[in-house]
Amino acid sequence: MSNKSATTSATVSTEGPIDHSIELGHGNSPAAWTCVTVMLVGVIVGCVAFLIGESAVILFWIGVAVIAVGLVVGVAMKVAGYGVGGSKLKNNGH
């Protein structure tokens, strides 16, 4: 190992101050949670099938299908108004 310090000429440029008051909407909604939960179940099924071995090829593909279903369910719930900023989640003042 060398005792020499590494020299780099990397520069970071920003166009202006970053506004941290803007809500980013990181997917904290029923649609996102449902999508992730269903997809997680699919991943678990696929991992169990992988551990079992060649005799569980169909179980692996069932896990892949469950992952795809989770994605479809998440998008459908977002379209139905359960996504971030969706119409079903807004406070109507009651």
C-alpha atoms as a PDB file:
ATOM      1  CA  MET A   1       0.000   0.000   0.000  1.00  0.00           C
ATOM      2  CA  SER A   2       1.132   3.471  -0.723  1.00  0.00           C
ATOM      3  CA  ASN A   3       1.251   6.384   1.684  1.00  0.00           C
ATOM      4  CA  LYS A   4       0.543   8.820  -1.136  1.00  0.00           C
ATOM      5  CA  SER A   5      -2.827  10.505  -1.027  1.00  0.00           C
ATOM      6  CA  ALA A   6      -5.095  10.110  -3.996  1.00  0.00           C
ATOM      7  CA  THR A   7      -5.710  13.244  -5.954  1.00  0.00           C
ATOM      8  CA  THR A   8      -8.820  13.738  -7.978  1.00  0.00           C
ATOM      9  CA  SER A   9     -10.142  16.753  -9.744  1.00  0.00           C
ATOM     10  CA  ALA A  10     -13.840  16.023  -9.383  1.00  0.00           C
ATOM     11  CA  THR A  11     -16.051  19.049  -9.044  1.00  0.00           C
ATOM     12  CA  VAL A  12     -19.650  19.191  -7.991  1.00  0.00           C
ATOM     13  CA  SER A  13     -21.748  21.953  -9.405  1.00  0.00           C
ATOM     14  CA  THR A  14     -25.243  22.952  -8.378  1.00  0.00           C
ATOM     15  CA  GLU A  15     -27.406  25.407 -10.172  1.00  0.00           C
ATOM     16  CA  GLY A  16     -28.792  26.883  -6.983  1.00  0.00           C
ATOM     17  CA  PRO A  17     -29.891  26.080  -3.486  1.00  0.00           C
ATOM     18  CA  ILE A  18     -31.846  22.871  -3.027  1.00  0.00           C
ATOM     19  CA  ASP A  19     -35.422  23.327  -1.808  1.00  0.00           C
ATOM     20  CA  HIS A  20     -36.045  20.656   0.833  1.00  0.00           C
ATOM     21  CA  SER A  21     -39.599  21.814   1.516  1.00  0.00           C
ATOM     22  CA  ILE A  22     -40.966  20.120  -1.610  1.00  0.00           C
ATOM     23  CA  GLU A  23     -42.681  16.831  -0.843  1.00  0.00           C
ATOM     24  CA  LEU A  24     -41.220  14.151  -3.097  1.00  0.00           C
ATOM     25  CA  GLY A  25     -43.971  11.587  -2.629  1.00  0.00           C
ATOM     26  CA  HIS A  26     -41.873   8.478  -2.104  1.00  0.00           C
ATOM     27  CA  GLY A  27     -44.786   6.145  -2.773  1.00  0.00           C
ATOM     28  CA  ASN A  28     -46.269   6.149   0.711  1.00  0.00           C
ATOM     29  CA  SER A  29     -49.732   5.164  -0.508  1.00  0.00           C
ATOM     30  CA  PRO A  30     -52.022   2.132  -0.404  1.00  0.00           C
ATOM     31  CA  ALA A  31     -51.235   1.413  -4.059  1.00  0.00           C
ATOM     32  CA  ALA A  32     -47.484   1.366  -3.463  1.00  0.00           C
ATOM     33  CA  TRP A  33     -47.705  -0.707  -0.287  1.00  0.00           C
ATOM     34  CA  THR A  34     -50.001  -3.259  -1.928  1.00  0.00           C
ATOM     35  CA  CYS A  35     -47.762  -3.490  -4.996  1.00  0.00           C
ATOM     36  CA  VAL A  36     -44.639  -4.041  -2.913  1.00  0.00           C
ATOM     37  CA  THR A  37     -46.323  -6.555  -0.593  1.00  0.00           C
ATOM     38  CA  VAL A  38     -47.661  -8.704  -3.429  1.00  0.00           C
ATOM     39  CA  MET A  39     -44.328  -8.551  -5.246  1.00  0.00           C
ATOM     40  CA  LEU A  40     -42.498  -9.511  -2.038  1.00  0.00           C
ATOM     41  CA  VAL A  41     -44.703 -12.594  -1.744  1.00  0.00           C
ATOM     42  CA  GLY A  42     -43.762 -13.483  -5.327  1.00  0.00           C
ATOM     43  CA  VAL A  43     -40.070 -13.091  -4.562  1.00  0.00           C
ATOM     44  CA  ILE A  44     -40.393 -15.315  -1.493  1.00  0.00           C
ATOM     45  CA  VAL A  45     -42.185 -17.988  -3.541  1.00  0.00           C
ATOM     46  CA  GLY A  46     -39.469 -17.788  -6.195  1.00  0.00           C
ATOM     47  CA  CYS A  47     -36.687 -18.028  -3.609  1.00  0.00           C
ATOM     48  CA  VAL A  48     -38.272 -21.073  -1.973  1.00  0.00           C
ATOM     49  CA  ALA A  49     -38.587 -22.700  -5.398  1.00  0.00           C
ATOM     50  CA  PHE A  50     -34.948 -21.898  -6.131  1.00  0.00           C
ATOM     51  CA  LEU A  51     -33.895 -23.531  -2.866  1.00  0.00           C
ATOM     52  CA  ILE A  52     -35.948 -26.653  -3.581  1.00  0.00           C
ATOM     53  CA  GLY A  53     -34.219 -27.165  -6.895  1.00  0.00           C
ATOM     54  CA  GLU A  54     -35.133 -28.482 -10.310  1.00  0.00           C
ATOM     55  CA  SER A  55     -38.301 -30.164  -9.083  1.00  0.00           C
ATOM     56  CA  ALA A  56     -39.865 -26.756  -8.363  1.00  0.00           C
ATOM     57  CA  VAL A  57     -39.557 -25.057 -11.740  1.00  0.00           C
ATOM     58  CA  ILE A  58     -43.315 -24.501 -11.925  1.00  0.00           C
ATOM     59  CA  LEU A  59     -43.297 -22.980  -8.424  1.00  0.00           C
ATOM     60  CA  PHE A  60     -40.569 -20.576  -9.557  1.00  0.00           C
ATOM     61  CA  TRP A  61     -42.659 -19.424 -12.510  1.00  0.00           C
ATOM     62  CA  ILE A  62     -45.662 -19.025 -10.220  1.00  0.00           C
ATOM     63  CA  GLY A  63     -43.521 -16.663  -8.153  1.00  0.00           C
ATOM     64  CA  VAL A  64     -42.612 -14.703 -11.280  1.00  0.00           C
ATOM     65  CA  ALA A  65     -46.315 -14.493 -12.194  1.00  0.00           C
ATOM     66  CA  VAL A  66     -47.160 -13.216  -8.695  1.00  0.00           C
ATOM     67  CA  ILE A  67     -44.545 -10.474  -9.127  1.00  0.00           C
ATOM     68  CA  ALA A  68     -46.187  -9.440 -12.413  1.00  0.00           C
ATOM     69  CA  VAL A  69     -49.630  -9.490 -10.766  1.00  0.00           C
ATOM     70  CA  GLY A  70     -48.289  -7.216  -8.012  1.00  0.00           C
ATOM     71  CA  LEU A  71     -47.149  -4.691 -10.592  1.00  0.00           C
ATOM     72  CA  VAL A  72     -50.539  -4.761 -12.336  1.00  0.00           C
ATOM     73  CA  VAL A  73     -52.382  -4.401  -9.019  1.00  0.00           C
ATOM     74  CA  GLY A  74     -50.238  -1.411  -8.058  1.00  0.00           C
ATOM     75  CA  VAL A  75     -50.850   0.370 -11.344  1.00  0.00           C
ATOM     76  CA  ALA A  76     -54.585  -0.428 -11.213  1.00  0.00           C
ATOM     77  CA  MET A  77     -54.840   0.978  -7.690  1.00  0.00           C
ATOM     78  CA  LYS A  78     -52.963   4.103  -8.750  1.00  0.00           C
ATOM     79  CA  VAL A  79     -55.377   4.612 -11.649  1.00  0.00           C
ATOM     80  CA  ALA A  80     -58.293   4.040  -9.254  1.00  0.00           C
ATOM     81  CA  GLY A  81     -57.068   6.944  -7.111  1.00  0.00           C
ATOM     82  CA  TYR A  82     -55.141   5.173  -4.352  1.00  0.00           C
ATOM     83  CA  GLY A  83     -51.687   6.362  -5.453  1.00  0.00           C
ATOM     84  CA  VAL A  84     -49.719   9.346  -4.169  1.00  0.00           C
ATOM     85  CA  GLY A  85     -51.981  12.381  -4.463  1.00  0.00           C
ATOM     86  CA  GLY A  86     -54.879  10.219  -5.648  1.00  0.00           C
ATOM     87  CA  SER A  87     -58.481  11.335  -5.457  1.00  0.00           C
ATOM     88  CA  LYS A  88     -59.415   8.666  -2.884  1.00  0.00           C
ATOM     89  CA  LEU A  89     -56.755   9.866  -0.441  1.00  0.00           C
ATOM     90  CA  LYS A  90     -57.406  13.579  -0.359  1.00  0.00           C
ATOM     91  CA  ASN A  91     -58.929  15.162   2.713  1.00  0.00           C
ATOM     92  CA  ASN A  92     -62.275  16.651   1.754  1.00  0.00           C
ATOM     93  CA  GLY A  93     -62.627  18.800   4.883  1.00  0.00           C
ATOM     94  CA  HIS A  94     -65.058  16.701   6.911  1.00  0.00           C
END
